């Protein structure tokens, strides 16, 4: 199981925010707040497996075109 660097996490965060700029039918401000809230919530995780799972969820959300929101 690979470890995620701080820069990789920040890049995922920025990529999610960039992808949210193209939303048409969802409130962009709500989306930005939801992404920030989720990253803040996951910041407190201490178990490496939980961190890995949270980051994989973020990657999947991004790769699936924001879970079907776009």
C-alpha atoms as a PDB file:
ATOM      1  CA  UNK A   1       0.000   0.000   0.000  1.00  0.00           C
ATOM      2  CA  UNK A   2       1.612   3.247  -1.136  1.00  0.00           C
ATOM      3  CA  UNK A   3       1.792   6.307   1.014  1.00  0.00           C
ATOM      4  CA  UNK A   4       0.360   9.561  -0.267  1.00  0.00           C
ATOM      5  CA  UNK A   5       2.511  12.643  -0.041  1.00  0.00           C
ATOM      6  CA  UNK A   6       1.217  16.015   1.045  1.00  0.00           C
ATOM      7  CA  UNK A   7       1.706  17.354  -2.480  1.00  0.00           C
ATOM      8  CA  UNK A   8      -0.341  14.487  -3.948  1.00  0.00           C
ATOM      9  CA  UNK A   9      -3.210  15.242  -1.558  1.00  0.00           C
ATOM     10  CA  UNK A  10      -3.089  18.949  -2.419  1.00  0.00           C
ATOM     11  CA  UNK A  11      -3.026  18.127  -6.121  1.00  0.00           C
ATOM     12  CA  UNK A  12      -6.148  15.961  -5.702  1.00  0.00           C
ATOM     13  CA  UNK A  13      -7.836  18.809  -3.799  1.00  0.00           C
ATOM     14  CA  UNK A  14      -6.969  21.326  -6.524  1.00  0.00           C
ATOM     15  CA  UNK A  15      -8.063  18.934  -9.269  1.00  0.00           C
ATOM     16  CA  UNK A  16     -11.449  18.449  -7.598  1.00  0.00           C
ATOM     17  CA  UNK A  17     -11.899  22.206  -7.269  1.00  0.00           C
ATOM     18  CA  UNK A  18     -10.876  22.744 -10.911  1.00  0.00           C
ATOM     19  CA  UNK A  19     -13.312  20.075 -12.065  1.00  0.00           C
ATOM     20  CA  UNK A  20     -16.080  21.789 -10.117  1.00  0.00           C
ATOM     21  CA  UNK A  21     -15.712  24.930 -12.218  1.00  0.00           C
ATOM     22  CA  UNK A  22     -17.498  23.186 -15.072  1.00  0.00           C
ATOM     23  CA  UNK A  23     -20.604  22.186 -13.138  1.00  0.00           C
ATOM     24  CA  UNK A  24     -23.821  23.365 -14.738  1.00  0.00           C
ATOM     25  CA  UNK A  25     -26.676  21.895 -12.715  1.00  0.00           C
ATOM     26  CA  UNK A  26     -25.121  21.910  -9.252  1.00  0.00           C
ATOM     27  CA  UNK A  27     -24.410  24.939  -7.111  1.00  0.00           C
ATOM     28  CA  UNK A  28     -20.666  25.537  -7.462  1.00  0.00           C
ATOM     29  CA  UNK A  29     -20.348  27.158  -4.037  1.00  0.00           C
ATOM     30  CA  UNK A  30     -22.039  24.178  -2.390  1.00  0.00           C
ATOM     31  CA  UNK A  31     -19.689  21.831  -4.253  1.00  0.00           C
ATOM     32  CA  UNK A  32     -16.591  23.789  -3.126  1.00  0.00           C
ATOM     33  CA  UNK A  33     -17.772  23.785   0.493  1.00  0.00           C
ATOM     34  CA  UNK A  34     -18.511  20.052   0.345  1.00  0.00           C
ATOM     35  CA  UNK A  35     -15.040  19.255  -1.026  1.00  0.00           C
ATOM     36  CA  UNK A  36     -13.369  21.433   1.609  1.00  0.00           C
ATOM     37  CA  UNK A  37     -15.518  19.905   4.380  1.00  0.00           C
ATOM     38  CA  UNK A  38     -14.624  16.367   3.307  1.00  0.00           C
ATOM     39  CA  UNK A  39     -10.897  17.122   3.163  1.00  0.00           C
ATOM     40  CA  UNK A  40     -11.057  18.764   6.607  1.00  0.00           C
ATOM     41  CA  UNK A  41     -12.907  15.739   7.985  1.00  0.00           C
ATOM     42  CA  UNK A  42     -10.321  13.341   6.540  1.00  0.00           C
ATOM     43  CA  UNK A  43      -7.457  15.465   7.837  1.00  0.00           C
ATOM     44  CA  UNK A  44      -8.108  14.071  11.320  1.00  0.00           C
ATOM     45  CA  UNK A  45      -7.791  10.427  10.210  1.00  0.00           C
ATOM     46  CA  UNK A  46      -4.935   8.602  11.886  1.00  0.00           C
ATOM     47  CA  UNK A  47      -5.195   5.023  10.606  1.00  0.00           C
ATOM     48  CA  UNK A  48      -3.188   4.701   7.359  1.00  0.00           C
ATOM     49  CA  UNK A  49      -5.778   2.366   5.803  1.00  0.00           C
ATOM     50  CA  UNK A  50      -8.522   4.940   6.420  1.00  0.00           C
ATOM     51  CA  UNK A  51      -6.419   7.677   4.838  1.00  0.00           C
ATOM     52  CA  UNK A  52      -5.700   5.492   1.816  1.00  0.00           C
ATOM     53  CA  UNK A  53      -9.402   4.671   1.411  1.00  0.00           C
ATOM     54  CA  UNK A  54     -10.421   8.335   1.639  1.00  0.00           C
ATOM     55  CA  UNK A  55      -7.882   9.329  -1.019  1.00  0.00           C
ATOM     56  CA  UNK A  56      -8.965   6.480  -3.290  1.00  0.00           C
ATOM     57  CA  UNK A  57     -12.559   7.701  -2.954  1.00  0.00           C
ATOM     58  CA  UNK A  58     -11.443  11.174  -3.999  1.00  0.00           C
ATOM     59  CA  UNK A  59      -9.564   9.794  -7.000  1.00  0.00           C
ATOM     60  CA  UNK A  60     -12.580   7.699  -8.020  1.00  0.00           C
ATOM     61  CA  UNK A  61     -14.889  10.690  -7.653  1.00  0.00           C
ATOM     62  CA  UNK A  62     -12.624  12.721  -9.920  1.00  0.00           C
ATOM     63  CA  UNK A  63     -12.111   9.957 -12.485  1.00  0.00           C
ATOM     64  CA  UNK A  64     -15.837   9.197 -12.677  1.00  0.00           C
ATOM     65  CA  UNK A  65     -16.454  12.792 -13.707  1.00  0.00           C
ATOM     66  CA  UNK A  66     -17.500  13.890 -10.217  1.00  0.00           C
ATOM     67  CA  UNK A  67     -19.707  10.907  -9.546  1.00  0.00           C
ATOM     68  CA  UNK A  68     -21.976  11.712 -12.458  1.00  0.00           C
ATOM     69  CA  UNK A  69     -22.443  15.377 -11.562  1.00  0.00           C
ATOM     70  CA  UNK A  70     -20.922  16.563 -14.844  1.00  0.00           C
END
